């Protein structure tokens, strides 16, 4: 009798136990901690907020710790109630020690109660040091019926912003004189005799068929001219740059802008890297990640580009020997044979 009662109780408990287990699983699943959204951008920008009356201004600059080769993004957002007129911040060619490379203003839409003006700046650092962006001013006039200022202009300013721009080289100041010298040319091994025999046979075949193919080849050349190779484009660009003698006339910045542009366009045409559209920092990082060059060549290219940045952006004036070494390094990068390098033109002779 007791065994029957025990079996009956077990049969009743099985559905209850199953129900309890399912409920616990559902409860645990519902109570799993949700991932807290990370403010991934919070650690990489500087923000200043100023507020006066019906107007609030927010200034945000990123990245927080820029390198010399970075472009800084600065966004100025001004919010005001309807009926408040806002005068945008004054626009110039520079913001402190930063050059303004781009400026995009956005005005609020008509009919909005809370109006928002957005002003986007793209800033370029010219020197690795601590920079100070002074207070950004915005004027506004409160022309609402209940305004206490009676529409008089009011000035709203943010606090000054201090930004430290660093270089990938740290405290070491790169110099064009530190570039590694070019390797000496290596002589080609003598060709075997059968090379000459094969060449003579091919030449005889070409001569025999030249009469029949002349007209056809001429038509083909006229219909479709093959585009120049990246090497041919770079060699011609170097020839024209050296002939222009910008460095001989003291236009070092313009000279180095074009010199590095030739090298970067050549790299783009031969490796697929989007070199001309990237900053030096981005290009070097992409080049190392994709391992398009051996380690030693990557290091030489990094030294060449970063040393040139000092001339372009930090107003460093190189000597004639440094200019010669820079041109020689550029010629080496684009594969110009030593015998074709116009060294006499380098010194302005």
C-alpha atoms as a PDB file:
ATOM      1  CA  UNK A   1       0.000   0.000   0.000  1.00  0.00           C
ATOM      2  CA  UNK A   2       2.786   2.365   0.882  1.00  0.00           C
ATOM      3  CA  UNK A   3       4.561   1.502  -2.380  1.00  0.00           C
ATOM      4  CA  UNK A   4       1.451   2.403  -4.382  1.00  0.00           C
ATOM      5  CA  UNK A   5       1.141   5.720  -2.559  1.00  0.00           C
ATOM      6  CA  UNK A   6       4.800   6.484  -3.175  1.00  0.00           C
ATOM      7  CA  UNK A   7       4.537   5.694  -6.893  1.00  0.00           C
ATOM      8  CA  UNK A   8       1.411   7.858  -7.172  1.00  0.00           C
ATOM      9  CA  UNK A   9       3.153  10.793  -5.498  1.00  0.00           C
ATOM     10  CA  UNK A  10       6.120  10.432  -7.880  1.00  0.00           C
ATOM     11  CA  UNK A  11       3.777  10.496 -10.876  1.00  0.00           C
ATOM     12  CA  UNK A  12       2.202  13.702  -9.603  1.00  0.00           C
ATOM     13  CA  UNK A  13       5.548  15.372  -8.919  1.00  0.00           C
ATOM     14  CA  UNK A  14       7.019  14.757 -12.386  1.00  0.00           C
ATOM     15  CA  UNK A  15       4.839  17.327 -14.231  1.00  0.00           C
ATOM     16  CA  UNK A  16       5.324  19.826 -11.405  1.00  0.00           C
ATOM     17  CA  UNK A  17       9.099  19.341 -11.464  1.00  0.00           C
ATOM     18  CA  UNK A  18       9.173  19.804 -15.224  1.00  0.00           C
ATOM     19  CA  UNK A  19       7.145  22.996 -14.916  1.00  0.00           C
ATOM     20  CA  UNK A  20       9.463  24.359 -12.199  1.00  0.00           C
ATOM     21  CA  UNK A  21      12.576  23.621 -14.289  1.00  0.00           C
ATOM     22  CA  UNK A  22      11.129  25.356 -17.386  1.00  0.00           C
ATOM     23  CA  UNK A  23      10.111  28.378 -15.283  1.00  0.00           C
ATOM     24  CA  UNK A  24      13.583  28.651 -13.722  1.00  0.00           C
ATOM     25  CA  UNK A  25      15.256  28.501 -17.170  1.00  0.00           C
ATOM     26  CA  UNK A  26      12.945  31.217 -18.498  1.00  0.00           C
ATOM     27  CA  UNK A  27      13.534  33.360 -15.418  1.00  0.00           C
ATOM     28  CA  UNK A  28      17.308  33.008 -15.672  1.00  0.00           C
ATOM     29  CA  UNK A  29      17.155  33.824 -19.396  1.00  0.00           C
ATOM     30  CA  UNK A  30      15.138  36.964 -18.750  1.00  0.00           C
ATOM     31  CA  UNK A  31      17.417  38.094 -15.960  1.00  0.00           C
ATOM     32  CA  UNK A  32      20.664  37.775 -17.900  1.00  0.00           C
ATOM     33  CA  UNK A  33      22.535  41.052 -17.628  1.00  0.00           C
ATOM     34  CA  UNK A  34      22.240  43.110 -20.770  1.00  0.00           C
ATOM     35  CA  UNK A  35      25.376  44.564 -22.215  1.00  0.00           C
ATOM     36  CA  UNK A  36      25.850  48.144 -21.146  1.00  0.00           C
ATOM     37  CA  UNK A  37      26.429  50.225 -24.281  1.00  0.00           C
ATOM     38  CA  UNK A  38      29.992  51.386 -24.357  1.00  0.00           C
ATOM     39  CA  UNK A  39      30.694  55.016 -25.098  1.00  0.00           C
ATOM     40  CA  UNK A  40      33.426  54.061 -27.527  1.00  0.00           C
ATOM     41  CA  UNK A  41      33.871  57.658 -28.617  1.00  0.00           C
ATOM     42  CA  UNK A  42      33.844  59.100 -25.089  1.00  0.00           C
ATOM     43  CA  UNK A  43      37.521  58.385 -24.550  1.00  0.00           C
ATOM     44  CA  UNK A  44      38.542  59.870 -27.874  1.00  0.00           C
ATOM     45  CA  UNK A  45      37.204  63.431 -27.906  1.00  0.00           C
ATOM     46  CA  UNK A  46      37.378  66.678 -25.940  1.00  0.00           C
ATOM     47  CA  UNK A  47      34.101  68.434 -25.173  1.00  0.00           C
ATOM     48  CA  UNK A  48      33.329  71.898 -23.835  1.00  0.00           C
ATOM     49  CA  UNK A  49      29.814  73.164 -23.079  1.00  0.00           C
ATOM     50  CA  UNK A  50      28.763  76.784 -22.540  1.00  0.00           C
ATOM     51  CA  UNK A  51      25.217  77.933 -21.767  1.00  0.00           C
ATOM     52  CA  UNK A  52      23.663  81.353 -21.330  1.00  0.00           C
ATOM     53  CA  UNK A  53      19.941  82.094 -21.247  1.00  0.00           C
ATOM     54  CA  UNK A  54      18.102  80.294 -24.043  1.00  0.00           C
ATOM     55  CA  UNK A  55      21.293  79.282 -25.899  1.00  0.00           C
ATOM     56  CA  UNK A  56      23.540  76.268 -25.337  1.00  0.00           C
ATOM     57  CA  UNK A  57      26.791  75.712 -27.250  1.00  0.00           C
ATOM     58  CA  UNK A  58      28.715  72.422 -27.385  1.00  0.00           C
ATOM     59  CA  UNK A  59      32.216  72.092 -28.865  1.00  0.00           C
ATOM     60  CA  UNK A  60      33.604  68.611 -29.506  1.00  0.00           C
ATOM     61  CA  UNK A  61      37.073  67.854 -30.938  1.00  0.00           C
ATOM     62  CA  UNK A  62      38.383  64.424 -31.896  1.00  0.00           C
ATOM     63  CA  UNK A  63      40.693  62.594 -31.634  1.00  0.00           C
ATOM     64  CA  UNK A  64      41.607  63.476 -28.061  1.00  0.00           C
ATOM     65  CA  UNK A  65      45.311  62.694 -28.514  1.00  0.00           C
ATOM     66  CA  UNK A  66      46.103  63.438 -32.175  1.00  0.00           C
ATOM     67  CA  UNK A  67      49.304  62.718 -34.043  1.00  0.00           C
ATOM     68  CA  UNK A  68      51.006  65.224 -36.323  1.00  0.00           C
ATOM     69  CA  UNK A  69      49.691  63.378 -39.378  1.00  0.00           C
ATOM     70  CA  UNK A  70      46.046  63.295 -38.149  1.00  0.00           C
ATOM     71  CA  UNK A  71      43.193  65.521 -39.246  1.00  0.00           C
ATOM     72  CA  UNK A  72      41.125  66.804 -36.306  1.00  0.00           C
ATOM     73  CA  UNK A  73      37.340  66.946 -36.530  1.00  0.00           C
ATOM     74  CA  UNK A  74      35.764  69.850 -34.605  1.00  0.00           C
ATOM     75  CA  UNK A  75      31.981  70.154 -34.319  1.00  0.00           C
ATOM     76  CA  UNK A  76      30.306  73.245 -32.890  1.00  0.00           C
ATOM     77  CA  UNK A  77      26.616  72.759 -32.059  1.00  0.00           C
ATOM     78  CA  UNK A  78      24.420  75.701 -30.983  1.00  0.00           C
ATOM     79  CA  UNK A  79      20.908  75.108 -29.674  1.00  0.00           C
ATOM     80  CA  UNK A  80      18.402  77.919 -29.126  1.00  0.00           C
ATOM     81  CA  UNK A  81      14.659  78.382 -28.670  1.00  0.00           C
ATOM     82  CA  UNK A  82      12.514  79.611 -31.533  1.00  0.00           C
ATOM     83  CA  UNK A  83      12.710  83.378 -31.851  1.00  0.00           C
ATOM     84  CA  UNK A  84      16.420  83.568 -30.960  1.00  0.00           C
ATOM     85  CA  UNK A  85      18.747  84.689 -33.745  1.00  0.00           C
ATOM     86  CA  UNK A  86      22.251  83.197 -33.717  1.00  0.00           C
ATOM     87  CA  UNK A  87      25.333  84.615 -35.449  1.00  0.00           C
ATOM     88  CA  UNK A  88      27.765  81.825 -36.470  1.00  0.00           C
ATOM     89  CA  UNK A  89      31.337  81.778 -35.143  1.00  0.00           C
ATOM     90  CA  UNK A  90      33.727  83.862 -37.264  1.00  0.00           C
ATOM     91  CA  UNK A  91      35.419  81.817 -39.983  1.00  0.00           C
ATOM     92  CA  UNK A  92      39.048  82.264 -41.004  1.00  0.00           C
ATOM     93  CA  UNK A  93      41.941  80.312 -42.468  1.00  0.00           C
ATOM     94  CA  UNK A  94      43.197  79.049 -39.092  1.00  0.00           C
ATOM     95  CA  UNK A  95      41.944  78.036 -35.657  1.00  0.00           C
ATOM     96  CA  UNK A  96      44.798  78.831 -33.299  1.00  0.00           C
ATOM     97  CA  UNK A  97      47.834  76.963 -34.658  1.00  0.00           C
ATOM     98  CA  UNK A  98      45.618  74.633 -36.707  1.00  0.00           C
ATOM     99  CA  UNK A  99      44.892  75.175 -40.395  1.00  0.00           C
ATOM    100  CA  UNK A 100      41.222  74.940 -41.421  1.00  0.00           C
ATOM    101  CA  UNK A 101      41.027  72.460 -44.293  1.00  0.00           C
ATOM    102  CA  UNK A 102      37.226  72.158 -44.468  1.00  0.00           C
ATOM    103  CA  UNK A 103      34.197  73.996 -43.102  1.00  0.00           C
ATOM    104  CA  UNK A 104      30.564  72.859 -43.407  1.00  0.00           C
ATOM    105  CA  UNK A 105      27.785  74.917 -41.741  1.00  0.00           C
ATOM    106  CA  UNK A 106      24.261  73.521 -41.266  1.00  0.00           C
ATOM    107  CA  UNK A 107      21.343  75.826 -40.450  1.00  0.00           C
ATOM    108  CA  UNK A 108      18.197  74.718 -38.561  1.00  0.00           C
ATOM    109  CA  UNK A 109      15.005  73.790 -40.343  1.00  0.00           C
ATOM    110  CA  UNK A 110      12.167  76.300 -40.368  1.00  0.00           C
ATOM    111  CA  UNK A 111       9.374  75.790 -37.815  1.00  0.00           C
ATOM    112  CA  UNK A 112      11.397  73.911 -35.204  1.00  0.00           C
ATOM    113  CA  UNK A 113      10.865  75.042 -31.613  1.00  0.00           C
ATOM    114  CA  UNK A 114      14.359  73.986 -30.609  1.00  0.00           C
ATOM    115  CA  UNK A 115      16.676  75.231 -33.328  1.00  0.00           C
ATOM    116  CA  UNK A 116      20.119  73.705 -33.867  1.00  0.00           C
ATOM    117  CA  UNK A 117      23.044  75.191 -35.798  1.00  0.00           C
ATOM    118  CA  UNK A 118      25.928  72.830 -36.599  1.00  0.00           C
ATOM    119  CA  UNK A 119      29.360  73.951 -37.760  1.00  0.00           C
ATOM    120  CA  UNK A 120      31.864  71.262 -38.775  1.00  0.00           C
ATOM    121  CA  UNK A 121      35.576  72.072 -39.059  1.00  0.00           C
ATOM    122  CA  UNK A 122      38.439  69.884 -40.270  1.00  0.00           C
ATOM    123  CA  UNK A 123      41.688  71.057 -38.683  1.00  0.00           C
ATOM    124  CA  UNK A 124      45.260  70.167 -39.657  1.00  0.00           C
ATOM    125  CA  UNK A 125      48.119  70.455 -37.119  1.00  0.00           C
ATOM    126  CA  UNK A 126      51.384  71.916 -38.368  1.00  0.00           C
ATOM    127  CA  UNK A 127      53.609  71.219 -35.375  1.00  0.00           C
ATOM    128  CA  UNK A 128      53.934  68.569 -32.649  1.00  0.00           C
ATOM    129  CA  UNK A 129      53.410  70.442 -29.379  1.00  0.00           C
ATOM    130  CA  UNK A 130      50.683  71.645 -27.008  1.00  0.00           C
ATOM    131  CA  UNK A 131      48.160  73.792 -28.872  1.00  0.00           C
ATOM    132  CA  UNK A 132      45.582  76.167 -27.451  1.00  0.00           C
ATOM    133  CA  UNK A 133      42.290  76.831 -29.217  1.00  0.00           C
ATOM    134  CA  UNK A 134      40.963  80.033 -27.753  1.00  0.00           C
ATOM    135  CA  UNK A 135      37.377  80.593 -26.684  1.00  0.00           C
ATOM    136  CA  UNK A 136      34.903  80.095 -29.523  1.00  0.00           C
ATOM    137  CA  UNK A 137      32.404  83.003 -29.549  1.00  0.00           C
ATOM    138  CA  UNK A 138      28.793  82.967 -30.709  1.00  0.00           C
ATOM    139  CA  UNK A 139      26.515  86.024 -30.666  1.00  0.00           C
ATOM    140  CA  UNK A 140      22.756  85.737 -30.295  1.00  0.00           C
ATOM    141  CA  UNK A 141      19.771  88.051 -29.933  1.00  0.00           C
ATOM    142  CA  UNK A 142      16.703  86.978 -27.976  1.00  0.00           C
ATOM    143  CA  UNK A 143      13.785  88.485 -29.918  1.00  0.00           C
ATOM    144  CA  UNK A 144      11.004  86.582 -28.191  1.00  0.00           C
ATOM    145  CA  UNK A 145       8.130  88.718 -26.852  1.00  0.00           C
ATOM    146  CA  UNK A 146       8.928  88.027 -23.188  1.00  0.00           C
ATOM    147  CA  UNK A 147      12.695  88.526 -23.551  1.00  0.00           C
ATOM    148  CA  UNK A 148      14.384  90.618 -20.847  1.00  0.00           C
ATOM    149  CA  UNK A 149      17.255  91.597 -23.152  1.00  0.00           C
ATOM    150  CA  UNK A 150      14.939  93.322 -25.692  1.00  0.00           C
ATOM    151  CA  UNK A 151      16.812  91.803 -28.634  1.00  0.00           C
ATOM    152  CA  UNK A 152      20.216  93.166 -27.611  1.00  0.00           C
ATOM    153  CA  UNK A 153      23.166  91.058 -28.870  1.00  0.00           C
ATOM    154  CA  UNK A 154      24.674  88.753 -26.245  1.00  0.00           C
ATOM    155  CA  UNK A 155      28.069  87.020 -26.461  1.00  0.00           C
ATOM    156  CA  UNK A 156      28.424  83.334 -25.493  1.00  0.00           C
ATOM    157  CA  UNK A 157      31.922  81.849 -25.318  1.00  0.00           C
ATOM    158  CA  UNK A 158      33.349  78.420 -24.516  1.00  0.00           C
ATOM    159  CA  UNK A 159      36.385  77.776 -22.349  1.00  0.00           C
ATOM    160  CA  UNK A 160      39.752  77.557 -24.172  1.00  0.00           C
ATOM    161  CA  UNK A 161      40.693  74.037 -25.285  1.00  0.00           C
ATOM    162  CA  UNK A 162      44.216  72.669 -24.906  1.00  0.00           C
ATOM    163  CA  UNK A 163      45.286  69.872 -27.278  1.00  0.00           C
ATOM    164  CA  UNK A 164      48.649  68.113 -27.338  1.00  0.00           C
ATOM    165  CA  UNK A 165      49.753  66.965 -30.783  1.00  0.00           C
ATOM    166  CA  UNK A 166      52.403  64.235 -30.784  1.00  0.00           C
ATOM    167  CA  UNK A 167      54.560  62.626 -33.440  1.00  0.00           C
ATOM    168  CA  UNK A 168      54.968  58.939 -34.219  1.00  0.00           C
ATOM    169  CA  UNK A 169      58.694  59.370 -33.592  1.00  0.00           C
ATOM    170  CA  UNK A 170      58.122  60.647 -30.035  1.00  0.00           C
ATOM    171  CA  UNK A 171      60.847  62.966 -28.793  1.00  0.00           C
ATOM    172  CA  UNK A 172      63.197  62.068 -31.641  1.00  0.00           C
ATOM    173  CA  UNK A 173      63.387  64.786 -34.275  1.00  0.00           C
ATOM    174  CA  UNK A 174      63.727  63.183 -37.714  1.00  0.00           C
ATOM    175  CA  UNK A 175      66.268  64.572 -40.126  1.00  0.00           C
ATOM    176  CA  UNK A 176      66.651  64.109 -43.833  1.00  0.00           C
ATOM    177  CA  UNK A 177      70.357  63.514 -43.232  1.00  0.00           C
ATOM    178  CA  UNK A 178      69.521  60.285 -41.329  1.00  0.00           C
ATOM    179  CA  UNK A 179      68.185  58.560 -44.447  1.00  0.00           C
ATOM    180  CA  UNK A 180      70.069  55.376 -45.310  1.00  0.00           C
ATOM    181  CA  UNK A 181      72.322  55.681 -48.358  1.00  0.00           C
ATOM    182  CA  UNK A 182      71.379  53.992 -51.603  1.00  0.00           C
ATOM    183  CA  UNK A 183      72.793  50.572 -52.353  1.00  0.00           C
ATOM    184  CA  UNK A 184      75.473  50.310 -55.009  1.00  0.00           C
ATOM    185  CA  UNK A 185      74.338  48.944 -58.394  1.00  0.00           C
ATOM    186  CA  UNK A 186      74.945  45.254 -59.034  1.00  0.00           C
ATOM    187  CA  UNK A 187      76.279  44.038 -62.378  1.00  0.00           C
ATOM    188  CA  UNK A 188      74.114  41.616 -64.355  1.00  0.00           C
ATOM    189  CA  UNK A 189      75.596  38.164 -65.043  1.00  0.00           C
ATOM    190  CA  UNK A 190      76.710  37.551 -68.659  1.00  0.00           C
ATOM    191  CA  UNK A 191      74.048  35.964 -70.848  1.00  0.00           C
ATOM    192  CA  UNK A 192      74.651  32.361 -72.132  1.00  0.00           C
ATOM    193  CA  UNK A 193      75.462  31.906 -75.817  1.00  0.00           C
ATOM    194  CA  UNK A 194      72.132  30.291 -76.591  1.00  0.00           C
ATOM    195  CA  UNK A 195      70.449  33.528 -75.513  1.00  0.00           C
ATOM    196  CA  UNK A 196      72.168  35.251 -78.405  1.00  0.00           C
ATOM    197  CA  UNK A 197      71.258  32.481 -80.813  1.00  0.00           C
ATOM    198  CA  UNK A 198      67.611  32.571 -79.747  1.00  0.00           C
ATOM    199  CA  UNK A 199      67.588  36.338 -80.043  1.00  0.00           C
ATOM    200  CA  UNK A 200      69.034  36.199 -83.531  1.00  0.00           C
ATOM    201  CA  UNK A 201      66.353  33.706 -84.573  1.00  0.00           C
ATOM    202  CA  UNK A 202      63.578  35.857 -83.163  1.00  0.00           C
ATOM    203  CA  UNK A 203      65.031  38.942 -84.836  1.00  0.00           C
ATOM    204  CA  UNK A 204      65.156  37.148 -88.196  1.00  0.00           C
ATOM    205  CA  UNK A 205      61.511  36.112 -87.818  1.00  0.00           C
ATOM    206  CA  UNK A 206      60.489  39.646 -86.939  1.00  0.00           C
ATOM    207  CA  UNK A 207      62.345  41.124 -89.928  1.00  0.00           C
ATOM    208  CA  UNK A 208      60.806  38.552 -92.283  1.00  0.00           C
ATOM    209  CA  UNK A 209      57.275  39.354 -91.167  1.00  0.00           C
ATOM    210  CA  UNK A 210      57.677  43.105 -90.685  1.00  0.00           C
ATOM    211  CA  UNK A 211      56.488  43.955 -94.219  1.00  0.00           C
ATOM    212  CA  UNK A 212      53.168  42.178 -93.685  1.00  0.00           C
ATOM    213  CA  UNK A 213      52.594  43.463 -90.150  1.00  0.00           C
ATOM    214  CA  UNK A 214      53.582  47.119 -90.562  1.00  0.00           C
ATOM    215  CA  UNK A 215      50.193  48.405 -91.667  1.00  0.00           C
ATOM    216  CA  UNK A 216      48.296  46.313 -89.129  1.00  0.00           C
ATOM    217  CA  UNK A 217      50.481  47.433 -86.234  1.00  0.00           C
ATOM    218  CA  UNK A 218      50.163  51.034 -87.339  1.00  0.00           C
ATOM    219  CA  UNK A 219      46.359  50.822 -87.305  1.00  0.00           C
ATOM    220  CA  UNK A 220      46.412  49.187 -83.875  1.00  0.00           C
ATOM    221  CA  UNK A 221      48.632  51.941 -82.467  1.00  0.00           C
ATOM    222  CA  UNK A 222      46.313  54.597 -83.857  1.00  0.00           C
ATOM    223  CA  UNK A 223      43.143  52.905 -82.537  1.00  0.00           C
ATOM    224  CA  UNK A 224      44.298  52.119 -79.023  1.00  0.00           C
ATOM    225  CA  UNK A 225      47.347  53.658 -77.414  1.00  0.00           C
ATOM    226  CA  UNK A 226      48.381  51.732 -74.307  1.00  0.00           C
ATOM    227  CA  UNK A 227      48.161  53.841 -71.135  1.00  0.00           C
ATOM    228  CA  UNK A 228      51.480  54.630 -69.449  1.00  0.00           C
ATOM    229  CA  UNK A 229      52.576  52.386 -66.590  1.00  0.00           C
ATOM    230  CA  UNK A 230      52.859  53.702 -62.995  1.00  0.00           C
ATOM    231  CA  UNK A 231      56.659  53.657 -63.427  1.00  0.00           C
ATOM    232  CA  UNK A 232      56.487  55.781 -66.584  1.00  0.00           C
ATOM    233  CA  UNK A 233      54.104  58.252 -64.938  1.00  0.00           C
ATOM    234  CA  UNK A 234      56.342  58.588 -61.857  1.00  0.00           C
ATOM    235  CA  UNK A 235      59.550  58.937 -63.898  1.00  0.00           C
ATOM    236  CA  UNK A 236      58.066  61.687 -66.065  1.00  0.00           C
ATOM    237  CA  UNK A 237      56.649  63.495 -63.021  1.00  0.00           C
ATOM    238  CA  UNK A 238      60.067  63.416 -61.310  1.00  0.00           C
ATOM    239  CA  UNK A 239      61.737  64.746 -64.459  1.00  0.00           C
ATOM    240  CA  UNK A 240      59.315  67.679 -64.640  1.00  0.00           C
ATOM    241  CA  UNK A 241      59.609  68.387 -60.886  1.00  0.00           C
ATOM    242  CA  UNK A 242      63.397  68.497 -60.972  1.00  0.00           C
ATOM    243  CA  UNK A 243      63.343  70.658 -64.108  1.00  0.00           C
ATOM    244  CA  UNK A 244      60.999  73.139 -62.348  1.00  0.00           C
ATOM    245  CA  UNK A 245      63.775  73.700 -59.727  1.00  0.00           C
ATOM    246  CA  UNK A 246      61.336  74.607 -56.938  1.00  0.00           C
ATOM    247  CA  UNK A 247      63.900  73.693 -54.269  1.00  0.00           C
ATOM    248  CA  UNK A 248      66.522  75.851 -55.974  1.00  0.00           C
ATOM    249  CA  UNK A 249      64.153  78.823 -55.678  1.00  0.00           C
ATOM    250  CA  UNK A 250      63.540  78.204 -51.964  1.00  0.00           C
ATOM    251  CA  UNK A 251      60.010  76.744 -52.451  1.00  0.00           C
ATOM    252  CA  UNK A 252      60.772  73.749 -50.240  1.00  0.00           C
ATOM    253  CA  UNK A 253      57.211  73.112 -49.048  1.00  0.00           C
ATOM    254  CA  UNK A 254      55.795  73.050 -52.589  1.00  0.00           C
ATOM    255  CA  UNK A 255      58.692  70.863 -53.719  1.00  0.00           C
ATOM    256  CA  UNK A 256      58.184  68.260 -50.966  1.00  0.00           C
ATOM    257  CA  UNK A 257      54.400  68.230 -51.401  1.00  0.00           C
ATOM    258  CA  UNK A 258      54.854  67.241 -55.063  1.00  0.00           C
ATOM    259  CA  UNK A 259      57.783  64.876 -54.348  1.00  0.00           C
ATOM    260  CA  UNK A 260      55.865  62.822 -51.746  1.00  0.00           C
ATOM    261  CA  UNK A 261      52.753  62.973 -53.933  1.00  0.00           C
ATOM    262  CA  UNK A 262      54.646  61.315 -56.803  1.00  0.00           C
ATOM    263  CA  UNK A 263      55.859  58.496 -54.534  1.00  0.00           C
ATOM    264  CA  UNK A 264      52.419  57.938 -52.978  1.00  0.00           C
ATOM    265  CA  UNK A 265      50.646  57.916 -56.350  1.00  0.00           C
ATOM    266  CA  UNK A 266      53.190  55.377 -57.598  1.00  0.00           C
ATOM    267  CA  UNK A 267      52.536  53.148 -54.562  1.00  0.00           C
ATOM    268  CA  UNK A 268      48.800  53.379 -55.178  1.00  0.00           C
ATOM    269  CA  UNK A 269      49.218  52.351 -58.822  1.00  0.00           C
ATOM    270  CA  UNK A 270      51.439  49.355 -58.015  1.00  0.00           C
ATOM    271  CA  UNK A 271      50.001  48.017 -54.711  1.00  0.00           C
ATOM    272  CA  UNK A 272      46.358  49.133 -54.539  1.00  0.00           C
ATOM    273  CA  UNK A 273      46.867  51.156 -51.337  1.00  0.00           C
ATOM    274  CA  UNK A 274      44.775  54.340 -51.343  1.00  0.00           C
ATOM    275  CA  UNK A 275      47.935  56.320 -50.538  1.00  0.00           C
ATOM    276  CA  UNK A 276      47.025  59.828 -51.856  1.00  0.00           C
ATOM    277  CA  UNK A 277      43.713  59.842 -49.923  1.00  0.00           C
ATOM    278  CA  UNK A 278      45.232  58.913 -46.557  1.00  0.00           C
ATOM    279  CA  UNK A 279      47.205  60.845 -43.993  1.00  0.00           C
ATOM    280  CA  UNK A 280      50.784  59.733 -43.422  1.00  0.00           C
ATOM    281  CA  UNK A 281      49.724  58.004 -40.192  1.00  0.00           C
ATOM    282  CA  UNK A 282      46.891  56.089 -41.894  1.00  0.00           C
ATOM    283  CA  UNK A 283      49.021  55.123 -44.878  1.00  0.00           C
ATOM    284  CA  UNK A 284      51.895  53.777 -42.759  1.00  0.00           C
ATOM    285  CA  UNK A 285      49.500  51.820 -40.549  1.00  0.00           C
ATOM    286  CA  UNK A 286      47.739  50.296 -43.583  1.00  0.00           C
ATOM    287  CA  UNK A 287      51.063  49.510 -45.243  1.00  0.00           C
ATOM    288  CA  UNK A 288      52.332  47.617 -42.173  1.00  0.00           C
ATOM    289  CA  UNK A 289      49.073  45.710 -41.702  1.00  0.00           C
ATOM    290  CA  UNK A 290      48.940  44.563 -45.332  1.00  0.00           C
ATOM    291  CA  UNK A 291      52.715  43.880 -45.431  1.00  0.00           C
ATOM    292  CA  UNK A 292      53.056  45.154 -49.000  1.00  0.00           C
ATOM    293  CA  UNK A 293      56.773  45.920 -48.485  1.00  0.00           C
ATOM    294  CA  UNK A 294      59.601  44.198 -46.614  1.00  0.00           C
ATOM    295  CA  UNK A 295      60.218  45.535 -43.113  1.00  0.00           C
ATOM    296  CA  UNK A 296      63.379  47.462 -44.040  1.00  0.00           C
ATOM    297  CA  UNK A 297      61.746  49.109 -47.071  1.00  0.00           C
ATOM    298  CA  UNK A 298      58.698  50.015 -44.975  1.00  0.00           C
ATOM    299  CA  UNK A 299      60.959  51.679 -42.421  1.00  0.00           C
ATOM    300  CA  UNK A 300      62.793  53.651 -45.119  1.00  0.00           C
ATOM    301  CA  UNK A 301      59.523  54.788 -46.631  1.00  0.00           C
ATOM    302  CA  UNK A 302      58.201  55.851 -43.200  1.00  0.00           C
ATOM    303  CA  UNK A 303      61.392  57.871 -42.555  1.00  0.00           C
ATOM    304  CA  UNK A 304      61.103  59.510 -45.982  1.00  0.00           C
ATOM    305  CA  UNK A 305      57.424  60.540 -45.569  1.00  0.00           C
ATOM    306  CA  UNK A 306      57.697  61.718 -41.954  1.00  0.00           C
ATOM    307  CA  UNK A 307      60.865  63.709 -42.608  1.00  0.00           C
ATOM    308  CA  UNK A 308      59.119  65.342 -45.576  1.00  0.00           C
ATOM    309  CA  UNK A 309      56.131  66.203 -43.320  1.00  0.00           C
ATOM    310  CA  UNK A 310      58.445  68.349 -41.218  1.00  0.00           C
ATOM    311  CA  UNK A 311      59.281  70.422 -44.289  1.00  0.00           C
ATOM    312  CA  UNK A 312      55.650  70.619 -45.461  1.00  0.00           C
ATOM    313  CA  UNK A 313      53.969  71.328 -42.130  1.00  0.00           C
ATOM    314  CA  UNK A 314      56.646  72.427 -39.639  1.00  0.00           C
ATOM    315  CA  UNK A 315      58.494  74.853 -41.966  1.00  0.00           C
ATOM    316  CA  UNK A 316      61.812  72.996 -41.628  1.00  0.00           C
ATOM    317  CA  UNK A 317      64.269  74.208 -44.282  1.00  0.00           C
ATOM    318  CA  UNK A 318      66.478  71.370 -45.610  1.00  0.00           C
ATOM    319  CA  UNK A 319      69.987  71.750 -46.928  1.00  0.00           C
ATOM    320  CA  UNK A 320      71.070  70.960 -50.477  1.00  0.00           C
ATOM    321  CA  UNK A 321      72.468  67.567 -49.421  1.00  0.00           C
ATOM    322  CA  UNK A 322      69.200  66.654 -47.731  1.00  0.00           C
ATOM    323  CA  UNK A 323      67.264  67.623 -50.861  1.00  0.00           C
ATOM    324  CA  UNK A 324      69.565  65.488 -53.001  1.00  0.00           C
ATOM    325  CA  UNK A 325      69.076  62.491 -50.690  1.00  0.00           C
ATOM    326  CA  UNK A 326      65.292  62.967 -50.709  1.00  0.00           C
ATOM    327  CA  UNK A 327      65.193  63.022 -54.528  1.00  0.00           C
ATOM    328  CA  UNK A 328      67.461  59.993 -54.699  1.00  0.00           C
ATOM    329  CA  UNK A 329      65.248  58.117 -52.248  1.00  0.00           C
ATOM    330  CA  UNK A 330      62.132  59.024 -54.257  1.00  0.00           C
ATOM    331  CA  UNK A 331      63.812  57.838 -57.483  1.00  0.00           C
ATOM    332  CA  UNK A 332      64.721  54.589 -55.748  1.00  0.00           C
ATOM    333  CA  UNK A 333      61.134  54.052 -54.537  1.00  0.00           C
ATOM    334  CA  UNK A 334      59.650  54.483 -58.025  1.00  0.00           C
ATOM    335  CA  UNK A 335      62.189  52.130 -59.594  1.00  0.00           C
ATOM    336  CA  UNK A 336      64.145  54.638 -61.692  1.00  0.00           C
ATOM    337  CA  UNK A 337      67.408  52.974 -62.815  1.00  0.00           C
ATOM    338  CA  UNK A 338      70.591  54.640 -61.554  1.00  0.00           C
ATOM    339  CA  UNK A 339      71.791  55.352 -65.091  1.00  0.00           C
ATOM    340  CA  UNK A 340      68.650  57.390 -65.823  1.00  0.00           C
ATOM    341  CA  UNK A 341      68.656  59.487 -62.650  1.00  0.00           C
ATOM    342  CA  UNK A 342      69.290  63.171 -63.539  1.00  0.00           C
ATOM    343  CA  UNK A 343      71.625  63.896 -60.618  1.00  0.00           C
ATOM    344  CA  UNK A 344      72.984  67.089 -62.242  1.00  0.00           C
ATOM    345  CA  UNK A 345      69.525  68.608 -62.152  1.00  0.00           C
ATOM    346  CA  UNK A 346      69.114  67.840 -58.453  1.00  0.00           C
ATOM    347  CA  UNK A 347      71.557  70.497 -57.346  1.00  0.00           C
ATOM    348  CA  UNK A 348      70.174  73.027 -59.779  1.00  0.00           C
ATOM    349  CA  UNK A 349      73.235  72.767 -62.004  1.00  0.00           C
END
